[in-house]
PDB file of N, CA and C in Angstrom:
ATOM      1  N   MET A   1      33.870  63.421 -47.053  1.00  0.00           N
ATOM      2  CA  MET A   1      35.268  63.569 -47.378  1.00  0.00           C
ATOM      3  C   MET A   1      35.482  64.798 -48.276  1.00  0.00           C
ATOM      4  N   LEU A   2      34.588  65.025 -49.209  1.00  0.00           N
ATOM      5  CA  LEU A   2      34.712  66.183 -50.092  1.00  0.00           C
ATOM      6  C   LEU A   2      34.500  67.486 -49.319  1.00  0.00           C
ATOM      7  N   LYS A   3      33.566  67.463 -48.379  1.00  0.00           N
ATOM      8  CA  LYS A   3      33.337  68.652 -47.564  1.00  0.00           C
ATOM      9  C   LYS A   3      34.561  68.972 -46.715  1.00  0.00           C
ATOM     10  N   GLU A   4      35.153  67.910 -46.172  1.00  0.00           N
ATOM     11  CA  GLU A   4      36.336  68.092 -45.333  1.00  0.00           C
ATOM     12  C   GLU A   4      37.490  68.670 -46.159  1.00  0.00           C
ATOM     13  N   ASN A   5      37.675  68.194 -47.381  1.00  0.00           N
ATOM     14  CA  ASN A   5      38.724  68.719 -48.264  1.00  0.00           C
ATOM     15  C   ASN A   5      38.457  70.183 -48.616  1.00  0.00           C
ATOM     16  N   ALA A   6      37.210  70.521 -48.856  1.00  0.00           N
ATOM     17  CA  ALA A   6      36.858  71.897 -49.195  1.00  0.00           C
ATOM     18  C   ALA A   6      37.134  72.832 -48.013  1.00  0.00           C
ATOM     19  N   ILE A   7      36.810  72.369 -46.808  1.00  0.00           N
ATOM     20  CA  ILE A   7      37.051  73.182 -45.609  1.00  0.00           C
ATOM     21  C   ILE A   7      38.552  73.386 -45.403  1.00  0.00           C
ATOM     22  N   LEU A   8      39.314  72.306 -45.554  1.00  0.00           N
ATOM     23  CA  LEU A   8      40.762  72.404 -45.378  1.00  0.00           C
ATOM     24  C   LEU A   8      41.398  73.258 -46.474  1.00  0.00           C
ATOM     25  N   ALA A   9      40.890  73.169 -47.685  1.00  0.00           N
ATOM     26  CA  ALA A   9      41.415  73.988 -48.786  1.00  0.00           C
ATOM     27  C   ALA A   9      41.142  75.467 -48.512  1.00  0.00           C
ATOM     28  N   ARG A  10      39.962  75.778 -47.995  1.00  0.00           N
ATOM     29  CA  ARG A  10      39.612  77.157 -47.679  1.00  0.00           C
ATOM     30  C   ARG A  10      40.496  77.702 -46.554  1.00  0.00           C
ATOM     31  N   LYS A  11      40.726  76.885 -45.519  1.00  0.00           N
ATOM     32  CA  LYS A  11      41.610  77.298 -44.427  1.00  0.00           C
ATOM     33  C   LYS A  11      43.031  77.529 -44.937  1.00  0.00           C
ATOM     34  N   ASN A  12      43.482  76.636 -45.811  1.00  0.00           N
ATOM     35  CA  ASN A  12      44.822  76.754 -46.393  1.00  0.00           C
ATOM     36  C   ASN A  12      44.945  78.061 -47.179  1.00  0.00           C
ATOM     37  N   TYR A  13      43.930  78.382 -47.974  1.00  0.00           N
ATOM     38  CA  TYR A  13      43.920  79.615 -48.758  1.00  0.00           C
ATOM     39  C   TYR A  13      43.952  80.838 -47.838  1.00  0.00           C
ATOM     40  N   ASP A  14      43.140  80.824 -46.801  1.00  0.00           N
ATOM     41  CA  ASP A  14      43.097  81.949 -45.857  1.00  0.00           C
ATOM     42  C   ASP A  14      44.438  82.134 -45.149  1.00  0.00           C
ATOM     43  N   LEU A  15      45.055  81.025 -44.756  1.00  0.00           N
ATOM     44  CA  LEU A  15      46.338  81.119 -44.070  1.00  0.00           C
ATOM     45  C   LEU A  15      47.442  81.631 -44.997  1.00  0.00           C
ATOM     46  N   LYS A  16      47.416  81.221 -46.257  1.00  0.00           N
ATOM     47  CA  LYS A  16      48.414  81.713 -47.214  1.00  0.00           C
ATOM     48  C   LYS A  16      48.232  83.214 -47.455  1.00  0.00           C
ATOM     49  N   LYS A  17      47.001  83.650 -47.534  1.00  0.00           N
ATOM     50  CA  LYS A  17      46.720  85.069 -47.730  1.00  0.00           C
ATOM     51  C   LYS A  17      47.190  85.876 -46.522  1.00  0.00           C
ATOM     52  N   GLN A  18      46.901  85.385 -45.331  1.00  0.00           N
ATOM     53  CA  GLN A  18      47.325  86.061 -44.107  1.00  0.00           C
ATOM     54  C   GLN A  18      48.847  86.099 -44.015  1.00  0.00           C
ATOM     55  N   ASN A  19      49.503  85.017 -44.405  1.00  0.00           N
ATOM     56  CA  ASN A  19      50.960  84.950 -44.367  1.00  0.00           C
ATOM     57  C   ASN A  19      51.569  85.979 -45.314  1.00  0.00           C
ATOM     58  N   ALA A  20      50.998  86.115 -46.510  1.00  0.00           N
ATOM     59  CA  ALA A  20      51.520  87.088 -47.468  1.00  0.00           C
ATOM     60  C   ALA A  20      51.391  88.512 -46.927  1.00  0.00           C
ATOM     61  N   GLU A  21      50.278  88.831 -46.279  1.00  0.00           N
ATOM     62  CA  GLU A  21      50.086  90.157 -45.685  1.00  0.00           C
ATOM     63  C   GLU A  21      51.098  90.409 -44.570  1.00  0.00           C
ATOM     64  N   LEU A  22      51.332  89.392 -43.746  1.00  0.00           N
ATOM     65  CA  LEU A  22      52.277  89.543 -42.641  1.00  0.00           C
ATOM     66  C   LEU A  22      53.708  89.709 -43.145  1.00  0.00           C
ATOM     67  N   VAL A  23      54.042  89.058 -44.227  1.00  0.00           N
ATOM     68  CA  VAL A  23      55.382  89.207 -44.804  1.00  0.00           C
ATOM     69  C   VAL A  23      55.589  90.644 -45.269  1.00  0.00           C
ATOM     70  N   LEU A  24      54.585  91.240 -45.919  1.00  0.00           N
ATOM     71  CA  LEU A  24      54.696  92.632 -46.368  1.00  0.00           C
ATOM     72  C   LEU A  24      54.827  93.595 -45.188  1.00  0.00           C
ATOM     73  N   ILE A  25      54.047  93.366 -44.153  1.00  0.00           N
ATOM     74  CA  ILE A  25      54.126  94.221 -42.968  1.00  0.00           C
ATOM     75  C   ILE A  25      55.500  94.086 -42.313  1.00  0.00           C
ATOM     76  N   ASN A  26      56.015  92.870 -42.244  1.00  0.00           N
ATOM     77  CA  ASN A  26      57.320  92.620 -41.638  1.00  0.00           C
ATOM     78  C   ASN A  26      58.426  93.331 -42.413  1.00  0.00           C
ATOM     79  N   GLU A  27      58.387  93.292 -43.740  1.00  0.00           N
ATOM     80  CA  GLU A  27      59.403  93.963 -44.552  1.00  0.00           C
ATOM     81  C   GLU A  27      59.363  95.469 -44.319  1.00  0.00           C
ATOM     82  N   ASP A  28      58.166  96.033 -44.247  1.00  0.00           N
ATOM     83  CA  ASP A  28      58.028  97.468 -44.013  1.00  0.00           C
ATOM     84  C   ASP A  28      58.590  97.861 -42.647  1.00  0.00           C
ATOM     85  N   LEU A  29      58.245  97.095 -41.625  1.00  0.00           N
ATOM     86  CA  LEU A  29      58.728  97.406 -40.282  1.00  0.00           C
ATOM     87  C   LEU A  29      60.240  97.229 -40.168  1.00  0.00           C
ATOM     88  N   ASN A  30      60.789  96.227 -40.832  1.00  0.00           N
ATOM     89  CA  ASN A  30      62.242  96.026 -40.803  1.00  0.00           C
ATOM     90  C   ASN A  30      62.965  97.179 -41.487  1.00  0.00           C
ATOM     91  N   SER A  31      62.414  97.697 -42.582  1.00  0.00           N
ATOM     92  CA  SER A  31      63.061  98.825 -43.252  1.00  0.00           C
ATOM     93  C   SER A  31      63.004 100.079 -42.384  1.00  0.00           C
ATOM     94  N   ARG A  32      61.899 100.292 -41.662  1.00  0.00           N
ATOM     95  CA  ARG A  32      61.814 101.430 -40.751  1.00  0.00           C
ATOM     96  C   ARG A  32      62.777 101.282 -39.584  1.00  0.00           C
ATOM     97  N   LEU A  33      62.855 100.084 -39.043  1.00  0.00           N
ATOM     98  CA  LEU A  33      63.721  99.832 -37.898  1.00  0.00           C
ATOM     99  C   LEU A  33      65.191  99.991 -38.267  1.00  0.00           C
ATOM    100  N   ALA A  34      65.549  99.679 -39.494  1.00  0.00           N
ATOM    101  CA  ALA A  34      66.940  99.799 -39.925  1.00  0.00           C
ATOM    102  C   ALA A  34      67.426 101.236 -39.828  1.00  0.00           C
ATOM    103  N   LEU A  35      66.516 102.197 -39.946  1.00  0.00           N
ATOM    104  CA  LEU A  35      66.913 103.599 -39.822  1.00  0.00           C
ATOM    105  C   LEU A  35      67.388 103.932 -38.423  1.00  0.00           C
ATOM    106  N   TYR A  36      66.842 103.275 -37.434  1.00  0.00           N
ATOM    107  CA  TYR A  36      67.164 103.594 -36.053  1.00  0.00           C
ATOM    108  C   TYR A  36      68.234 102.693 -35.452  1.00  0.00           C
ATOM    109  N   GLU A  37      68.538 101.586 -36.079  1.00  0.00           N
ATOM    110  CA  GLU A  37      69.508 100.652 -35.519  1.00  0.00           C
ATOM    111  C   GLU A  37      70.924 100.908 -36.000  1.00  0.00           C
ATOM    112  N   ASN A  38      71.115 101.794 -36.956  1.00  0.00           N
ATOM    113  CA  ASN A  38      72.449 102.069 -37.458  1.00  0.00           C
ATOM    114  C   ASN A  38      73.213 102.866 -36.405  1.00  0.00           C
ATOM    115  N   PRO A  39      74.288 102.305 -35.852  1.00  0.00           N
ATOM    116  CA  PRO A  39      74.982 102.990 -34.762  1.00  0.00           C
ATOM    117  C   PRO A  39      75.789 104.198 -35.223  1.00  0.00           C
ATOM    118  N   HIS A  40      76.032 104.348 -36.527  1.00  0.00           N
ATOM    119  CA  HIS A  40      76.858 105.436 -37.016  1.00  0.00           C
ATOM    120  C   HIS A  40      76.045 106.644 -37.477  1.00  0.00           C
ATOM    121  N   THR A  41      74.745 106.571 -37.403  1.00  0.00           N
ATOM    122  CA  THR A  41      73.899 107.667 -37.833  1.00  0.00           C
ATOM    123  C   THR A  41      73.403 108.430 -36.613  1.00  0.00           C
ATOM    124  N   PRO A  42      73.695 109.735 -36.545  1.00  0.00           N
ATOM    125  CA  PRO A  42      73.204 110.502 -35.406  1.00  0.00           C
ATOM    126  C   PRO A  42      71.690 110.642 -35.471  1.00  0.00           C
ATOM    127  N   PRO A  43      71.043 110.806 -34.333  1.00  0.00           N
ATOM    128  CA  PRO A  43      69.586 110.894 -34.317  1.00  0.00           C
ATOM    129  C   PRO A  43      69.038 112.032 -35.165  1.00  0.00           C
ATOM    130  N   SER A  44      69.806 113.123 -35.293  1.00  0.00           N
ATOM    131  CA  SER A  44      69.308 114.256 -36.065  1.00  0.00           C
ATOM    132  C   SER A  44      69.284 113.961 -37.559  1.00  0.00           C
ATOM    133  N   ALA A  45      70.066 112.993 -38.015  1.00  0.00           N
ATOM    134  CA  ALA A  45      70.119 112.677 -39.437  1.00  0.00           C
ATOM    135  C   ALA A  45      69.216 111.507 -39.806  1.00  0.00           C
ATOM    136  N   GLN A  46      68.663 110.830 -38.816  1.00  0.00           N
ATOM    137  CA  GLN A  46      67.781 109.710 -39.101  1.00  0.00           C
ATOM    138  C   GLN A  46      66.445 110.229 -39.581  1.00  0.00           C
ATOM    139  N   THR A  47      65.981 109.661 -40.666  1.00  0.00           N
ATOM    140  CA  THR A  47      64.724 110.127 -41.232  1.00  0.00           C
ATOM    141  C   THR A  47      63.829 108.947 -41.553  1.00  0.00           C
ATOM    142  N   ILE A  48      62.585 109.245 -41.729  1.00  0.00           N
ATOM    143  CA  ILE A  48      61.620 108.256 -42.180  1.00  0.00           C
ATOM    144  C   ILE A  48      61.278 108.617 -43.609  1.00  0.00           C
ATOM    145  N   LYS A  49      60.832 107.668 -44.375  1.00  0.00           N
ATOM    146  CA  LYS A  49      60.587 107.883 -45.790  1.00  0.00           C
ATOM    147  C   LYS A  49      59.699 109.088 -46.054  1.00  0.00           C
ATOM    148  N   LYS A  50      58.721 109.342 -45.208  1.00  0.00           N
ATOM    149  CA  LYS A  50      57.816 110.473 -45.409  1.00  0.00           C
ATOM    150  C   LYS A  50      58.580 111.785 -45.372  1.00  0.00           C
ATOM    151  N   ARG A  51      59.512 111.911 -44.421  1.00  0.00           N
ATOM    152  CA  ARG A  51      60.278 113.151 -44.329  1.00  0.00           C
ATOM    153  C   ARG A  51      61.236 113.281 -45.495  1.00  0.00           C
ATOM    154  N   GLU A  52      61.765 112.157 -46.012  1.00  0.00           N
ATOM    155  CA  GLU A  52      62.649 112.214 -47.167  1.00  0.00           C
ATOM    156  C   GLU A  52      61.894 112.731 -48.382  1.00  0.00           C
ATOM    157  N   LYS A  53      60.645 112.312 -48.548  1.00  0.00           N
ATOM    158  CA  LYS A  53      59.854 112.784 -49.674  1.00  0.00           C
ATOM    159  C   LYS A  53      59.616 114.281 -49.564  1.00  0.00           C
ATOM    160  N   LYS A  54      59.323 114.777 -48.360  1.00  0.00           N
ATOM    161  CA  LYS A  54      59.100 116.199 -48.165  1.00  0.00           C
ATOM    162  C   LYS A  54      60.376 116.983 -48.473  1.00  0.00           C
ATOM    163  N   ARG A  55      61.505 116.453 -48.026  1.00  0.00           N
ATOM    164  CA  ARG A  55      62.776 117.140 -48.236  1.00  0.00           C
ATOM    165  C   ARG A  55      63.102 117.211 -49.721  1.00  0.00           C
ATOM    166  N   LYS A  56      62.833 116.144 -50.455  1.00  0.00           N
ATOM    167  CA  LYS A  56      63.122 116.149 -51.881  1.00  0.00           C
ATOM    168  C   LYS A  56      62.247 117.150 -52.613  1.00  0.00           C
ATOM    169  N   SER A  57      61.020 117.317 -52.165  1.00  0.00           N
ATOM    170  CA  SER A  57      60.139 118.258 -52.827  1.00  0.00           C
ATOM    171  C   SER A  57      60.586 119.700 -52.590  1.00  0.00           C
ATOM    172  N   LYS A  58      61.215 119.981 -51.462  1.00  0.00           N
ATOM    173  CA  LYS A  58      61.693 121.326 -51.169  1.00  0.00           C
ATOM    174  C   LYS A  58      63.037 121.600 -51.842  1.00  0.00           C
ATOM    175  N   GLY A  59      63.715 120.582 -52.288  1.00  0.00           N
ATOM    176  CA  GLY A  59      65.052 120.744 -52.838  1.00  0.00           C
ATOM    177  C   GLY A  59      66.075 120.417 -51.772  1.00  0.00           C
ATOM    178  N   SER A  60      67.283 120.153 -52.189  1.00  0.00           N
ATOM    179  CA  SER A  60      68.308 119.795 -51.197  1.00  0.00           C
ATOM    180  C   SER A  60      68.930 121.073 -50.642  1.00  0.00           C
ATOM    181  N   ARG A  61      68.725 121.297 -49.378  1.00  0.00           N
ATOM    182  CA  ARG A  61      69.267 122.461 -48.706  1.00  0.00           C
ATOM    183  C   ARG A  61      70.396 122.032 -47.787  1.00  0.00           C
ATOM    184  N   LYS A  62      71.363 122.912 -47.644  1.00  0.00           N
ATOM    185  CA  LYS A  62      72.447 122.623 -46.727  1.00  0.00           C
ATOM    186  C   LYS A  62      72.052 123.058 -45.330  1.00  0.00           C
ATOM    187  N   ARG A  63      72.671 122.455 -44.343  1.00  0.00           N
ATOM    188  CA  ARG A  63      72.397 122.810 -42.962  1.00  0.00           C
ATOM    189  C   ARG A  63      73.093 124.120 -42.606  1.00  0.00           C
ATOM    190  N   GLY A  64      72.551 124.809 -41.629  1.00  0.00           N
ATOM    191  CA  GLY A  64      73.185 126.009 -41.115  1.00  0.00           C
ATOM    192  C   GLY A  64      72.576 127.276 -41.662  1.00  0.00           C
ATOM    193  N   ALA A  65      73.184 128.377 -41.285  1.00  0.00           N
ATOM    194  CA  ALA A  65      72.682 129.686 -41.698  1.00  0.00           C
ATOM    195  C   ALA A  65      73.002 129.927 -43.167  1.00  0.00           C
ATOM    196  N   PRO A  66      72.188 130.717 -43.844  1.00  0.00           N
ATOM    197  CA  PRO A  66      72.452 131.005 -45.251  1.00  0.00           C
ATOM    198  C   PRO A  66      73.681 131.898 -45.409  1.00  0.00           C
ATOM    199  N   LYS A  67      74.237 131.940 -46.622  1.00  0.00           N
ATOM    200  CA  LYS A  67      75.410 132.775 -46.890  1.00  0.00           C
ATOM    201  C   LYS A  67      75.036 134.240 -46.675  1.00  0.00           C
ATOM    202  N   GLY A  68      75.976 134.989 -46.100  1.00  0.00           N
ATOM    203  CA  GLY A  68      75.732 136.397 -45.844  1.00  0.00           C
ATOM    204  C   GLY A  68      75.045 136.664 -44.519  1.00  0.00           C
ATOM    205  N   HIS A  69      74.766 135.619 -43.752  1.00  0.00           N
ATOM    206  CA  HIS A  69      74.123 135.779 -42.452  1.00  0.00           C
ATOM    207  C   HIS A  69      75.075 136.520 -41.517  1.00  0.00           C
ATOM    208  N   LYS A  70      74.574 137.560 -40.833  1.00  0.00           N
ATOM    209  CA  LYS A  70      75.412 138.382 -39.973  1.00  0.00           C
ATOM    210  C   LYS A  70      76.012 137.575 -38.833  1.00  0.00           C
ATOM    211  N   GLY A  71      75.241 136.739 -38.211  1.00  0.00           N
ATOM    212  CA  GLY A  71      75.740 135.933 -37.105  1.00  0.00           C
ATOM    213  C   GLY A  71      75.690 136.695 -35.799  1.00  0.00           C
ATOM    214  N   VAL A  72      75.618 135.972 -34.720  1.00  0.00           N
ATOM    215  CA  VAL A  72      75.538 136.592 -33.401  1.00  0.00           C
ATOM    216  C   VAL A  72      76.483 135.831 -32.482  1.00  0.00           C
ATOM    217  N   THR A  73      77.406 136.569 -31.850  1.00  0.00           N
ATOM    218  CA  THR A  73      78.301 135.951 -30.871  1.00  0.00           C
ATOM    219  C   THR A  73      78.358 136.833 -29.635  1.00  0.00           C
ATOM    220  N   ARG A  74      78.678 136.248 -28.531  1.00  0.00           N
ATOM    221  CA  ARG A  74      78.800 137.013 -27.293  1.00  0.00           C
ATOM    222  C   ARG A  74      80.094 137.815 -27.327  1.00  0.00           C
ATOM    223  N   PRO A  75      80.109 138.989 -26.722  1.00  0.00           N
ATOM    224  CA  PRO A  75      81.358 139.753 -26.656  1.00  0.00           C
ATOM    225  C   PRO A  75      82.350 139.058 -25.724  1.00  0.00           C
ATOM    226  N   THR A  76      83.630 139.201 -26.023  1.00  0.00           N
ATOM    227  CA  THR A  76      84.670 138.585 -25.205  1.00  0.00           C
ATOM    228  C   THR A  76      84.766 139.320 -23.876  1.00  0.00           C
ATOM    229  N   PRO A  77      84.678 138.603 -22.752  1.00  0.00           N
ATOM    230  CA  PRO A  77      84.752 139.282 -21.455  1.00  0.00           C
ATOM    231  C   PRO A  77      86.179 139.749 -21.171  1.00  0.00           C
ATOM    232  N   PRO A  78      86.343 140.810 -20.398  1.00  0.00           N
ATOM    233  CA  PRO A  78      87.700 141.264 -20.060  1.00  0.00           C
ATOM    234  C   PRO A  78      88.368 140.243 -19.136  1.00  0.00           C
ATOM    235  N   PRO A  79      89.677 140.092 -19.243  1.00  0.00           N
ATOM    236  CA  PRO A  79      90.372 139.114 -18.395  1.00  0.00           C
ATOM    237  C   PRO A  79      90.305 139.527 -16.924  1.00  0.00           C
ATOM    238  N   ASP A  80      90.144 138.544 -16.043  1.00  0.00           N
ATOM    239  CA  ASP A  80      90.098 138.830 -14.614  1.00  0.00           C
ATOM    240  C   ASP A  80      91.462 138.636 -13.957  1.00  0.00           C
ATOM    241  N   ARG A  81      92.409 137.996 -14.660  1.00  0.00           N
ATOM    242  CA  ARG A  81      93.773 137.854 -14.145  1.00  0.00           C
ATOM    243  C   ARG A  81      94.713 137.631 -15.319  1.00  0.00           C
ATOM    244  N   VAL A  82      95.989 137.904 -15.111  1.00  0.00           N
ATOM    245  CA  VAL A  82      97.008 137.742 -16.147  1.00  0.00           C
ATOM    246  C   VAL A  82      98.033 136.748 -15.622  1.00  0.00           C
ATOM    247  N   VAL A  83      98.347 135.737 -16.417  1.00  0.00           N
ATOM    248  CA  VAL A  83      99.321 134.723 -16.032  1.00  0.00           C
ATOM    249  C   VAL A  83     100.531 134.875 -16.935  1.00  0.00           C
ATOM    250  N   ASP A  84     101.710 135.033 -16.339  1.00  0.00           N
ATOM    251  CA  ASP A  84     102.940 135.167 -17.105  1.00  0.00           C
ATOM    252  C   ASP A  84     103.506 133.769 -17.334  1.00  0.00           C
ATOM    253  N   SER A  85     103.383 133.271 -18.521  1.00  0.00           N
ATOM    254  CA  SER A  85     103.834 131.909 -18.802  1.00  0.00           C
ATOM    255  C   SER A  85     105.281 131.877 -19.268  1.00  0.00           C
ATOM    256  N   TYR A  86     105.904 133.027 -19.528  1.00  0.00           N
ATOM    257  CA  TYR A  86     107.287 133.049 -19.996  1.00  0.00           C
ATOM    258  C   TYR A  86     108.251 132.672 -18.895  1.00  0.00           C
ATOM    259  N   ASN A  87     108.034 133.089 -17.665  1.00  0.00           N
ATOM    260  CA  ASN A  87     108.945 132.835 -16.560  1.00  0.00           C
ATOM    261  C   ASN A  87     108.590 131.559 -15.805  1.00  0.00           C
ATOM    262  N   ARG A  88     107.710 130.807 -16.309  1.00  0.00           N
ATOM    263  CA  ARG A  88     107.280 129.582 -15.625  1.00  0.00           C
ATOM    264  C   ARG A  88     108.400 128.547 -15.698  1.00  0.00           C
ATOM    265  N   THR A  89     108.677 127.853 -14.621  1.00  0.00           N
ATOM    266  CA  THR A  89     109.706 126.805 -14.606  1.00  0.00           C
ATOM    267  C   THR A  89     109.024 125.446 -14.618  1.00  0.00           C
ATOM    268  N   LEU A  90     109.665 124.495 -15.249  1.00  0.00           N
ATOM    269  CA  LEU A  90     109.094 123.154 -15.332  1.00  0.00           C
ATOM    270  C   LEU A  90     109.554 122.275 -14.224  1.00  0.00           C
TER     271      LEU A  90
END
């Protein structure tokens, strides 16, 4: 009877330890999943904690080109036809 109690106590201890580990893993996975399940966050803004740490170390930068950037745009093509909208009847 004492051996049986010792075996059951050991199994109980092992199961409690395993349960505690699984709870921690579950919390971590749920926090990661929450980043991707938010319907209002665009995919480009979704981050994982590792990338947030890297971003904080670099400082907070704004998106886009820096101030004073020359910029590049295509030249406006010449019109291929002219529509007179003043004489148009409804």
